[in-house]
Amino acid sequence: MKKLVLFAAIVAAVSFASCGNKAADAAKAEADSIRIADSIAAVEAAAAEEAAAAAADTVVVDSVAVTETVVAE
């Protein structure tokens, strides 16, 4: 009977140890997801700026080419 009580105590101790600090884990997971979302937003913003700069460069090149064609004629 002593072995059965000891076994039950060990099982209870292991189950409590495996369930510990769920609140701290949840807070860490939330902080990680916020950090990842911020990183994704920064990358998307940089890509949008780069696309806008590329579009602006294309417009300038096209208008210069049109101006040179009109002047040459």
N, C-alpha and C. Protein backbone atom coordinates (compact mmCIF):
# COMPACT_ATOMS: atom_id res chain seq x y z
N MET A 1 0.81 -1.18 0.00
CA MET A 1 0.00 0.00 0.00
C MET A 1 0.87 1.26 0.00
N LYS A 2 2.01 1.20 0.68
CA LYS A 2 2.90 2.36 0.71
C LYS A 2 3.43 2.67 -0.69
N LYS A 3 3.70 1.63 -1.45
CA LYS A 3 4.20 1.85 -2.81
C LYS A 3 3.15 2.50 -3.68
N LEU A 4 1.89 2.13 -3.49
CA LEU A 4 0.80 2.71 -4.27
C LEU A 4 0.63 4.20 -3.96
N VAL A 5 0.71 4.56 -2.68
CA VAL A 5 0.60 5.97 -2.27
C VAL A 5 1.80 6.75 -2.80
N LEU A 6 2.98 6.18 -2.71
CA LEU A 6 4.18 6.84 -3.22
C LEU A 6 4.09 7.04 -4.73
N PHE A 7 3.59 6.03 -5.44
CA PHE A 7 3.43 6.14 -6.90
C PHE A 7 2.42 7.24 -7.25
N ALA A 8 1.32 7.32 -6.51
CA ALA A 8 0.31 8.36 -6.75
C ALA A 8 0.90 9.75 -6.49
N ALA A 9 1.73 9.88 -5.46
CA ALA A 9 2.35 11.16 -5.14
C ALA A 9 3.32 11.57 -6.24
N ILE A 10 4.06 10.62 -6.77
CA ILE A 10 5.00 10.92 -7.86
C ILE A 10 4.24 11.34 -9.12
N VAL A 11 3.16 10.65 -9.43
CA VAL A 11 2.35 11.00 -10.61
C VAL A 11 1.78 12.41 -10.45
N ALA A 12 1.29 12.73 -9.25
CA ALA A 12 0.74 14.06 -9.01
C ALA A 12 1.82 15.13 -9.15
N ALA A 13 3.01 14.87 -8.62
CA ALA A 13 4.10 15.84 -8.71
C ALA A 13 4.52 16.07 -10.16
N VAL A 14 4.60 15.02 -10.94
CA VAL A 14 4.97 15.15 -12.35
C VAL A 14 3.89 15.90 -13.12
N SER A 15 2.63 15.64 -12.83
CA SER A 15 1.56 16.33 -13.55
C SER A 15 1.55 17.83 -13.22
N PHE A 16 1.82 18.18 -11.95
CA PHE A 16 1.89 19.60 -11.60
C PHE A 16 3.09 20.27 -12.26
N ALA A 17 4.19 19.58 -12.34
CA ALA A 17 5.40 20.15 -12.94
C ALA A 17 5.23 20.36 -14.43
N SER A 18 4.49 19.50 -15.09
CA SER A 18 4.33 19.63 -16.54
C SER A 18 3.35 20.72 -16.92
N CYS A 19 2.50 21.15 -16.00
CA CYS A 19 1.50 22.18 -16.30
C CYS A 19 1.94 23.57 -15.84
N GLY A 20 3.11 23.73 -15.29
CA GLY A 20 3.53 24.99 -14.69
C GLY A 20 3.78 26.11 -15.68
N ASN A 21 3.55 27.35 -15.23
CA ASN A 21 3.86 28.60 -15.93
C ASN A 21 3.18 28.75 -17.28
N LYS A 22 1.94 28.37 -17.39
CA LYS A 22 1.21 28.56 -18.65
C LYS A 22 1.00 30.05 -18.92
N ALA A 23 0.81 30.86 -17.88
CA ALA A 23 0.60 32.29 -18.06
C ALA A 23 1.87 32.95 -18.61
N ALA A 24 3.02 32.56 -18.10
CA ALA A 24 4.28 33.13 -18.59
C ALA A 24 4.53 32.69 -20.03
N ASP A 25 4.20 31.45 -20.35
CA ASP A 25 4.37 30.97 -21.72
C ASP A 25 3.44 31.71 -22.67
N ALA A 26 2.21 31.99 -22.23
CA ALA A 26 1.26 32.71 -23.07
C ALA A 26 1.73 34.14 -23.32
N ALA A 27 2.26 34.79 -22.30
CA ALA A 27 2.76 36.16 -22.46
C ALA A 27 3.95 36.18 -23.41
N LYS A 28 4.83 35.20 -23.30
CA LYS A 28 5.99 35.12 -24.19
C LYS A 28 5.55 34.86 -25.62
N ALA A 29 4.57 33.99 -25.80
CA ALA A 29 4.06 33.70 -27.14
C ALA A 29 3.41 34.93 -27.77
N GLU A 30 2.68 35.70 -26.95
CA GLU A 30 2.06 36.92 -27.47
C GLU A 30 3.12 37.95 -27.86
N ALA A 31 4.15 38.10 -27.06
CA ALA A 31 5.23 39.04 -27.37
C ALA A 31 5.95 38.61 -28.65
N ASP A 32 6.16 37.31 -28.81
CA ASP A 32 6.81 36.81 -30.02
C ASP A 32 5.96 37.08 -31.26
N SER A 33 4.65 36.87 -31.15
CA SER A 33 3.79 37.09 -32.31
C SER A 33 3.72 38.57 -32.67
N ILE A 34 3.75 39.44 -31.67
CA ILE A 34 3.76 40.88 -31.94
C ILE A 34 5.06 41.27 -32.63
N ARG A 35 6.18 40.72 -32.14
CA ARG A 35 7.48 41.02 -32.75
C ARG A 35 7.53 40.54 -34.19
N ILE A 36 7.00 39.37 -34.45
CA ILE A 36 7.00 38.82 -35.81
C ILE A 36 6.10 39.67 -36.72
N ALA A 37 4.94 40.07 -36.21
CA ALA A 37 4.04 40.91 -37.00
C ALA A 37 4.69 42.25 -37.33
N ASP A 38 5.41 42.83 -36.37
CA ASP A 38 6.11 44.09 -36.62
C ASP A 38 7.21 43.91 -37.67
N SER A 39 7.91 42.79 -37.62
CA SER A 39 8.96 42.52 -38.60
C SER A 39 8.37 42.37 -40.00
N ILE A 40 7.26 41.67 -40.10
CA ILE A 40 6.61 41.49 -41.40
C ILE A 40 6.13 42.83 -41.94
N ALA A 41 5.56 43.65 -41.07
CA ALA A 41 5.09 44.97 -41.50
C ALA A 41 6.26 45.83 -41.99
N ALA A 42 7.40 45.75 -41.32
CA ALA A 42 8.57 46.53 -41.74
C ALA A 42 9.08 46.07 -43.10
N VAL A 43 9.10 44.76 -43.33
CA VAL A 43 9.55 44.24 -44.61
C VAL A 43 8.59 44.64 -45.72
N GLU A 44 7.29 44.56 -45.45
CA GLU A 44 6.30 44.96 -46.46
C GLU A 44 6.40 46.46 -46.77
N ALA A 45 6.65 47.28 -45.76
CA ALA A 45 6.79 48.72 -45.98
C ALA A 45 8.03 49.02 -46.82
N ALA A 46 9.12 48.33 -46.54
CA ALA A 46 10.35 48.52 -47.32
C ALA A 46 10.14 48.08 -48.77
N ALA A 47 9.42 47.00 -48.97
CA ALA A 47 9.15 46.53 -50.33
C ALA A 47 8.25 47.52 -51.07
N ALA A 48 7.28 48.11 -50.38
CA ALA A 48 6.41 49.10 -51.00
C ALA A 48 7.19 50.35 -51.38
N GLU A 49 8.10 50.79 -50.50
CA GLU A 49 8.93 51.96 -50.81
C GLU A 49 9.83 51.67 -52.02
N GLU A 50 10.38 50.47 -52.06
CA GLU A 50 11.25 50.11 -53.18
C GLU A 50 10.46 50.05 -54.49
N ALA A 51 9.24 49.54 -54.43
CA ALA A 51 8.40 49.47 -55.63
C ALA A 51 8.02 50.88 -56.08
N ALA A 52 7.71 51.76 -55.12
CA ALA A 52 7.37 53.13 -55.47
C ALA A 52 8.57 53.86 -56.08
N ALA A 53 9.76 53.61 -55.54
CA ALA A 53 10.97 54.24 -56.08
C ALA A 53 11.25 53.72 -57.48
N ALA A 54 11.04 52.43 -57.70
CA ALA A 54 11.26 51.86 -59.03
C ALA A 54 10.25 52.43 -60.03
N ALA A 55 9.00 52.62 -59.60
CA ALA A 55 7.99 53.19 -60.47
C ALA A 55 8.32 54.65 -60.79
N ALA A 56 8.82 55.39 -59.80
CA ALA A 56 9.19 56.78 -60.02
C ALA A 56 10.37 56.87 -60.98
N ASP A 57 11.34 55.98 -60.86
CA ASP A 57 12.48 55.97 -61.76
C ASP A 57 12.04 55.66 -63.18
N THR A 58 11.09 54.75 -63.33
CA THR A 58 10.60 54.40 -64.66
C THR A 58 9.90 55.58 -65.31
N VAL A 59 9.11 56.32 -64.55
CA VAL A 59 8.41 57.47 -65.09
C VAL A 59 9.40 58.53 -65.54
N VAL A 60 10.42 58.78 -64.76
CA VAL A 60 11.43 59.78 -65.11
C VAL A 60 12.16 59.35 -66.38
N VAL A 61 12.54 58.11 -66.49
CA VAL A 61 13.24 57.63 -67.68
C VAL A 61 12.35 57.73 -68.91
N ASP A 62 11.08 57.37 -68.77
CA ASP A 62 10.16 57.46 -69.90
C ASP A 62 9.95 58.90 -70.34
N SER A 63 9.82 59.84 -69.41
CA SER A 63 9.60 61.22 -69.80
C SER A 63 10.86 61.81 -70.44
N VAL A 64 12.03 61.38 -70.00
CA VAL A 64 13.27 61.85 -70.62
C VAL A 64 13.35 61.31 -72.05
N ALA A 65 12.98 60.06 -72.25
CA ALA A 65 13.04 59.47 -73.57
C ALA A 65 12.05 60.18 -74.51
N VAL A 66 10.89 60.50 -74.02
CA VAL A 66 9.90 61.21 -74.84
C VAL A 66 10.40 62.60 -75.19
N THR A 67 11.00 63.30 -74.24
CA THR A 67 11.53 64.64 -74.46
C THR A 67 12.66 64.60 -75.50
N GLU A 68 13.54 63.63 -75.41
CA GLU A 68 14.64 63.52 -76.38
C GLU A 68 14.11 63.20 -77.76
N THR A 69 13.07 62.42 -77.85
CA THR A 69 12.50 62.09 -79.15
C THR A 69 11.86 63.32 -79.79
N VAL A 70 11.17 64.12 -79.01
CA VAL A 70 10.53 65.31 -79.54
C VAL A 70 11.59 66.33 -79.96
N VAL A 71 12.63 66.50 -79.20
CA VAL A 71 13.69 67.46 -79.51
C VAL A 71 14.46 67.01 -80.76
N ALA A 72 14.66 65.74 -80.92
CA ALA A 72 15.43 65.23 -82.05
C ALA A 72 14.69 65.41 -83.37
N GLU A 73 13.41 65.44 -83.37
CA GLU A 73 12.65 65.56 -84.62
C GLU A 73 12.64 66.93 -85.08
